[in-house]
């Protein structure tokens, strides 16, 4: 059954929804969550809860469900995700295959046109993601 998702107002609510999404590995529900969540609030909503599994479901959801509809939103989420606590730790612990998934998202994103980011913005963000 489809999970109905509304915008979380605090880190606790966001964490609860994220736990359900993560446990079920529901990329479509995760994409819904990211679509209703203001990217600027992502670091605050994640608090110190960013983990590899959550990071990867974000990457997969953004690529498979959000990118085709709104590349600008994908860029914004990637930008603010990089500001989250534990981002550098999670990035350092990614396997080669997981890192390749992140690279693939950036490749597809760079092929998209958006007034919300330039190729220079994307190149700069790639460096933050160590790509």
C-alpha atoms as a PDB file:
ATOM      1  CA  UNK A   1       0.000   0.000   0.000  1.00  0.00           C
ATOM      2  CA  UNK A   2       1.242   3.479  -0.883  1.00  0.00           C
ATOM      3  CA  UNK A   3       2.619   5.578   1.914  1.00  0.00           C
ATOM      4  CA  UNK A   4       0.990   9.026   2.073  1.00  0.00           C
ATOM      5  CA  UNK A   5       3.598  11.642   2.867  1.00  0.00           C
ATOM      6  CA  UNK A   6       3.122  15.233   3.974  1.00  0.00           C
ATOM      7  CA  UNK A   7       5.827  17.786   4.703  1.00  0.00           C
ATOM      8  CA  UNK A   8       7.550  16.997   8.004  1.00  0.00           C
ATOM      9  CA  UNK A   9       7.680  19.955  10.401  1.00  0.00           C
ATOM     10  CA  UNK A  10      10.536  18.813  12.613  1.00  0.00           C
ATOM     11  CA  UNK A  11      13.486  16.416  12.789  1.00  0.00           C
ATOM     12  CA  UNK A  12      11.493  13.856  14.773  1.00  0.00           C
ATOM     13  CA  UNK A  13       8.680  13.626  12.193  1.00  0.00           C
ATOM     14  CA  UNK A  14      11.203  13.525   9.360  1.00  0.00           C
ATOM     15  CA  UNK A  15      13.108  10.747  11.136  1.00  0.00           C
ATOM     16  CA  UNK A  16       9.945   8.700  11.662  1.00  0.00           C
ATOM     17  CA  UNK A  17       8.998   8.901   7.970  1.00  0.00           C
ATOM     18  CA  UNK A  18      12.596   8.193   6.981  1.00  0.00           C
ATOM     19  CA  UNK A  19      12.667   5.060   9.168  1.00  0.00           C
ATOM     20  CA  UNK A  20       9.576   3.671   7.415  1.00  0.00           C
ATOM     21  CA  UNK A  21      10.921   4.580   3.963  1.00  0.00           C
ATOM     22  CA  UNK A  22      14.351   3.143   4.763  1.00  0.00           C
ATOM     23  CA  UNK A  23      13.018  -0.093   6.263  1.00  0.00           C
ATOM     24  CA  UNK A  24      10.840  -0.744   3.223  1.00  0.00           C
ATOM     25  CA  UNK A  25      13.475   0.585   0.783  1.00  0.00           C
ATOM     26  CA  UNK A  26      10.585   2.474  -0.840  1.00  0.00           C
ATOM     27  CA  UNK A  27      12.302   4.804  -3.317  1.00  0.00           C
ATOM     28  CA  UNK A  28       9.009   6.238  -4.589  1.00  0.00           C
ATOM     29  CA  UNK A  29       7.956   7.191  -1.042  1.00  0.00           C
ATOM     30  CA  UNK A  30      11.406   8.639  -0.408  1.00  0.00           C
ATOM     31  CA  UNK A  31      11.067  10.692  -3.598  1.00  0.00           C
ATOM     32  CA  UNK A  32       7.686  11.938  -2.321  1.00  0.00           C
ATOM     33  CA  UNK A  33       9.324  12.887   0.979  1.00  0.00           C
ATOM     34  CA  UNK A  34      12.113  14.777  -0.788  1.00  0.00           C
ATOM     35  CA  UNK A  35       9.620  16.473  -3.107  1.00  0.00           C
ATOM     36  CA  UNK A  36       7.574  17.891  -0.200  1.00  0.00           C
ATOM     37  CA  UNK A  37      10.639  18.787   1.882  1.00  0.00           C
ATOM     38  CA  UNK A  38      12.302  22.172   1.449  1.00  0.00           C
ATOM     39  CA  UNK A  39      15.922  21.343   0.517  1.00  0.00           C
ATOM     40  CA  UNK A  40      17.199  24.173   2.752  1.00  0.00           C
ATOM     41  CA  UNK A  41      15.661  22.375   5.765  1.00  0.00           C
ATOM     42  CA  UNK A  42      17.309  19.024   4.960  1.00  0.00           C
ATOM     43  CA  UNK A  43      20.396  19.433   7.213  1.00  0.00           C
ATOM     44  CA  UNK A  44      18.176  20.484  10.159  1.00  0.00           C
ATOM     45  CA  UNK A  45      15.643  17.708   9.538  1.00  0.00           C
ATOM     46  CA  UNK A  46      18.334  15.046   9.205  1.00  0.00           C
ATOM     47  CA  UNK A  47      19.967  16.308  12.392  1.00  0.00           C
ATOM     48  CA  UNK A  48      22.786  13.823  13.140  1.00  0.00           C
ATOM     49  CA  UNK A  49      20.911  10.852  11.645  1.00  0.00           C
ATOM     50  CA  UNK A  50      22.527  10.686   8.202  1.00  0.00           C
ATOM     51  CA  UNK A  51      23.743   7.140   7.490  1.00  0.00           C
ATOM     52  CA  UNK A  52      24.968   5.348   4.393  1.00  0.00           C
ATOM     53  CA  UNK A  53      21.698   3.531   3.813  1.00  0.00           C
ATOM     54  CA  UNK A  54      19.667   6.753   4.019  1.00  0.00           C
ATOM     55  CA  UNK A  55      22.168   8.588   1.835  1.00  0.00           C
ATOM     56  CA  UNK A  56      21.893   5.892  -0.850  1.00  0.00           C
ATOM     57  CA  UNK A  57      18.098   5.755  -0.841  1.00  0.00           C
ATOM     58  CA  UNK A  58      18.155   9.553  -1.293  1.00  0.00           C
ATOM     59  CA  UNK A  59      20.536   9.210  -4.260  1.00  0.00           C
ATOM     60  CA  UNK A  60      18.471   6.427  -5.884  1.00  0.00           C
ATOM     61  CA  UNK A  61      15.152   8.193  -5.278  1.00  0.00           C
ATOM     62  CA  UNK A  62      16.432  11.461  -6.693  1.00  0.00           C
ATOM     63  CA  UNK A  63      17.749   9.713  -9.787  1.00  0.00           C
ATOM     64  CA  UNK A  64      14.798   7.425 -10.493  1.00  0.00           C
ATOM     65  CA  UNK A  65      11.825   9.521  -9.412  1.00  0.00           C
ATOM     66  CA  UNK A  66      12.692  13.231  -9.162  1.00  0.00           C
ATOM     67  CA  UNK A  67      15.338  13.930 -11.812  1.00  0.00           C
ATOM     68  CA  UNK A  68      13.012  13.571 -14.813  1.00  0.00           C
ATOM     69  CA  UNK A  69      10.485  15.979 -13.294  1.00  0.00           C
ATOM     70  CA  UNK A  70      12.665  18.570 -11.567  1.00  0.00           C
ATOM     71  CA  UNK A  71      16.466  18.572 -12.048  1.00  0.00           C
ATOM     72  CA  UNK A  72      16.698  21.839 -10.105  1.00  0.00           C
ATOM     73  CA  UNK A  73      15.183  20.186  -7.039  1.00  0.00           C
ATOM     74  CA  UNK A  74      17.676  17.320  -7.348  1.00  0.00           C
ATOM     75  CA  UNK A  75      20.561  19.813  -7.434  1.00  0.00           C
ATOM     76  CA  UNK A  76      19.156  21.669  -4.396  1.00  0.00           C
ATOM     77  CA  UNK A  77      18.807  18.446  -2.398  1.00  0.00           C
ATOM     78  CA  UNK A  78      22.328  17.317  -3.315  1.00  0.00           C
ATOM     79  CA  UNK A  79      23.664  20.746  -2.330  1.00  0.00           C
ATOM     80  CA  UNK A  80      21.940  20.802   1.072  1.00  0.00           C
ATOM     81  CA  UNK A  81      22.582  17.112   1.719  1.00  0.00           C
ATOM     82  CA  UNK A  82      26.287  17.964   1.543  1.00  0.00           C
ATOM     83  CA  UNK A  83      25.735  20.412   4.434  1.00  0.00           C
ATOM     84  CA  UNK A  84      24.254  17.745   6.710  1.00  0.00           C
ATOM     85  CA  UNK A  85      26.027  16.495   9.806  1.00  0.00           C
ATOM     86  CA  UNK A  86      27.925  13.244   9.154  1.00  0.00           C
ATOM     87  CA  UNK A  87      28.000  13.878   5.366  1.00  0.00           C
ATOM     88  CA  UNK A  88      31.799  13.558   5.142  1.00  0.00           C
ATOM     89  CA  UNK A  89      31.741  10.403   7.299  1.00  0.00           C
ATOM     90  CA  UNK A  90      29.051   8.779   5.145  1.00  0.00           C
ATOM     91  CA  UNK A  91      30.886   9.790   1.967  1.00  0.00           C
ATOM     92  CA  UNK A  92      34.144   8.307   3.253  1.00  0.00           C
ATOM     93  CA  UNK A  93      32.437   4.976   4.003  1.00  0.00           C
ATOM     94  CA  UNK A  94      30.812   4.493   0.590  1.00  0.00           C
ATOM     95  CA  UNK A  95      31.912   1.431  -1.344  1.00  0.00           C
ATOM     96  CA  UNK A  96      33.211   1.738  -4.907  1.00  0.00           C
ATOM     97  CA  UNK A  97      29.837   0.567  -6.250  1.00  0.00           C
ATOM     98  CA  UNK A  98      27.914   3.047  -4.069  1.00  0.00           C
ATOM     99  CA  UNK A  99      30.224   5.878  -5.116  1.00  0.00           C
ATOM    100  CA  UNK A 100      29.520   4.892  -8.731  1.00  0.00           C
ATOM    101  CA  UNK A 101      25.767   5.339  -8.105  1.00  0.00           C
ATOM    102  CA  UNK A 102      26.419   8.893  -6.889  1.00  0.00           C
ATOM    103  CA  UNK A 103      28.604   9.526  -9.937  1.00  0.00           C
ATOM    104  CA  UNK A 104      25.849   8.240 -12.214  1.00  0.00           C
ATOM    105  CA  UNK A 105      23.306  10.644 -10.688  1.00  0.00           C
ATOM    106  CA  UNK A 106      25.683  13.565 -11.276  1.00  0.00           C
ATOM    107  CA  UNK A 107      26.286  12.411 -14.879  1.00  0.00           C
ATOM    108  CA  UNK A 108      22.568  12.289 -15.643  1.00  0.00           C
ATOM    109  CA  UNK A 109      22.014  15.595 -13.844  1.00  0.00           C
ATOM    110  CA  UNK A 110      24.767  17.289 -15.861  1.00  0.00           C
ATOM    111  CA  UNK A 111      22.974  16.275 -19.070  1.00  0.00           C
ATOM    112  CA  UNK A 112      19.838  18.129 -17.901  1.00  0.00           C
ATOM    113  CA  UNK A 113      19.189  21.800 -18.496  1.00  0.00           C
ATOM    114  CA  UNK A 114      18.017  23.908 -15.580  1.00  0.00           C
ATOM    115  CA  UNK A 115      17.947  27.604 -14.826  1.00  0.00           C
ATOM    116  CA  UNK A 116      18.489  26.721 -11.161  1.00  0.00           C
ATOM    117  CA  UNK A 117      22.123  25.671 -11.520  1.00  0.00           C
ATOM    118  CA  UNK A 118      24.997  26.130 -13.961  1.00  0.00           C
ATOM    119  CA  UNK A 119      27.540  23.558 -15.085  1.00  0.00           C
ATOM    120  CA  UNK A 120      30.050  25.411 -12.864  1.00  0.00           C
ATOM    121  CA  UNK A 121      27.716  24.967  -9.876  1.00  0.00           C
ATOM    122  CA  UNK A 122      27.487  21.268 -10.648  1.00  0.00           C
ATOM    123  CA  UNK A 123      31.267  20.916 -11.067  1.00  0.00           C
ATOM    124  CA  UNK A 124      31.777  22.622  -7.727  1.00  0.00           C
ATOM    125  CA  UNK A 125      29.267  20.287  -6.055  1.00  0.00           C
ATOM    126  CA  UNK A 126      30.951  17.245  -7.651  1.00  0.00           C
ATOM    127  CA  UNK A 127      34.157  18.231  -5.828  1.00  0.00           C
ATOM    128  CA  UNK A 128      32.258  18.324  -2.519  1.00  0.00           C
ATOM    129  CA  UNK A 129      31.057  14.773  -3.291  1.00  0.00           C
ATOM    130  CA  UNK A 130      34.680  13.869  -4.174  1.00  0.00           C
ATOM    131  CA  UNK A 131      33.803  12.859  -7.743  1.00  0.00           C
END
